[in-house]
Protein backbone atom coordinates (compact mmCIF):
# COMPACT_ATOMS: atom_id res chain seq x y z
CA UNK A 1 0.00 0.00 0.00
CA UNK A 2 2.91 2.36 0.73
CA UNK A 3 4.05 2.20 -2.91
CA UNK A 4 0.48 2.92 -4.06
CA UNK A 5 0.30 6.05 -1.91
CA UNK A 6 3.69 7.19 -3.20
CA UNK A 7 2.45 6.77 -6.77
CA UNK A 8 -0.76 8.70 -6.03
CA UNK A 9 1.18 11.51 -4.38
CA UNK A 10 3.55 11.71 -7.35
CA UNK A 11 0.67 11.77 -9.86
CA UNK A 12 -1.17 14.44 -7.85
CA UNK A 13 1.91 16.64 -7.57
CA UNK A 14 2.51 16.36 -11.32
CA UNK A 15 -0.96 17.84 -11.92
CA UNK A 16 -0.45 20.81 -9.58
CA UNK A 17 0.20 23.82 -11.78
CA UNK A 18 -1.07 26.66 -9.64
CA UNK A 19 -4.62 26.30 -10.97
CA UNK A 20 -5.69 22.65 -11.17
CA UNK A 21 -5.28 21.96 -7.45
CA UNK A 22 -7.54 24.93 -6.56
CA UNK A 23 -10.58 23.73 -8.48
CA UNK A 24 -9.97 20.03 -8.97
CA UNK A 25 -8.22 17.19 -7.22
CA UNK A 26 -8.60 13.79 -5.61
CA UNK A 27 -11.15 12.84 -2.97
CA UNK A 28 -11.35 9.65 -0.93
CA UNK A 29 -14.28 9.07 1.41
CA UNK A 30 -16.10 6.23 3.08
CA UNK A 31 -19.43 4.72 2.01
CA UNK A 32 -22.16 3.55 4.33
CA UNK A 33 -22.52 0.03 2.94
CA UNK A 34 -19.44 -0.11 4.03
CA UNK A 35 -16.76 0.77 1.55
CA UNK A 36 -14.78 3.50 -0.16
CA UNK A 37 -15.38 6.10 -2.88
CA UNK A 38 -12.52 7.65 -4.84
CA UNK A 39 -13.05 10.54 -7.27
CA UNK A 40 -10.37 12.16 -9.40
CA UNK A 41 -11.07 15.22 -11.51
CA UNK A 42 -9.67 14.71 -15.00
CA UNK A 43 -10.26 18.18 -16.41
CA UNK A 44 -6.98 19.95 -16.97
CA UNK A 45 -5.02 16.67 -17.00
CA UNK A 46 -3.82 14.59 -19.94
CA UNK A 47 -6.47 11.99 -19.02
CA UNK A 48 -9.54 13.97 -20.03
CA UNK A 49 -9.92 12.20 -23.38
CA UNK A 50 -8.11 8.93 -22.59
CA UNK A 51 -10.26 5.82 -23.02
CA UNK A 52 -11.05 3.79 -19.91
CA UNK A 53 -12.78 0.41 -19.83
CA UNK A 54 -15.13 0.12 -16.87
CA UNK A 55 -14.01 -2.36 -14.21
CA UNK A 56 -16.50 -4.49 -12.26
CA UNK A 57 -15.07 -7.15 -10.02
CA UNK A 58 -17.11 -9.35 -7.67
CA UNK A 59 -19.97 -6.86 -7.87
CA UNK A 60 -22.38 -9.25 -6.15
CA UNK A 61 -20.09 -9.69 -3.12
CA UNK A 62 -21.11 -7.90 0.06
CA UNK A 63 -17.65 -6.65 1.04
CA UNK A 64 -15.17 -7.66 -1.67
CA UNK A 65 -16.27 -5.68 -4.73
CA UNK A 66 -14.85 -2.99 -7.02
CA UNK A 67 -16.36 -0.68 -9.63
CA UNK A 68 -14.22 1.83 -11.54
CA UNK A 69 -15.36 4.08 -14.37
CA UNK A 70 -14.79 7.41 -16.05
CA UNK A 71 -17.88 9.58 -16.21
CA UNK A 72 -18.51 13.30 -16.69
CA UNK A 73 -14.85 14.28 -16.62
CA UNK A 74 -13.84 12.29 -13.57
CA UNK A 75 -12.54 8.89 -12.58
CA UNK A 76 -14.79 7.21 -10.01
CA UNK A 77 -13.90 4.13 -8.04
CA UNK A 78 -16.10 2.44 -5.46
CA UNK A 79 -15.21 -0.66 -3.47
CA UNK A 80 -15.65 -2.78 -0.41
CA UNK A 81 -13.80 -1.90 2.80
CA UNK A 82 -10.60 -3.84 2.02
CA UNK A 83 -10.21 -2.98 -1.69
CA UNK A 84 -9.17 0.68 -1.58
CA UNK A 85 -5.66 -0.15 -2.83
CA UNK A 86 -7.22 -1.98 -5.80
CA UNK A 87 -9.15 1.14 -6.81
CA UNK A 88 -6.11 3.39 -6.45
CA UNK A 89 -3.94 0.96 -8.42
CA UNK A 90 -6.57 0.71 -11.16
CA UNK A 91 -6.55 4.49 -11.48
CA UNK A 92 -2.75 4.76 -11.38
CA UNK A 93 -2.14 1.93 -13.86
CA UNK A 94 -4.48 3.71 -16.29
CA UNK A 95 -3.13 7.21 -15.58
CA UNK A 96 0.52 6.18 -15.89
CA UNK A 97 0.02 3.80 -18.81
């Protein structure tokens, strides 16, 4: 997980240009079912028009599921309580690829 956070920090810093970080950014919050939600604004990045294939893994599972998609100019990842690293790695693999 440490390497994943390092990668996210590096990607975030590379987007900071004096403007982007004031109106856009990355948010990570909890869900009530339980789980995590990750949203990354893509506007002003080189990812705005990059294709992304939706990810759905173990969607029917109560706690071990992941959904990642790009919609309305943002990456969205939702997952069960122990899959946050999977969502972040899905985003980073796509963003860095």
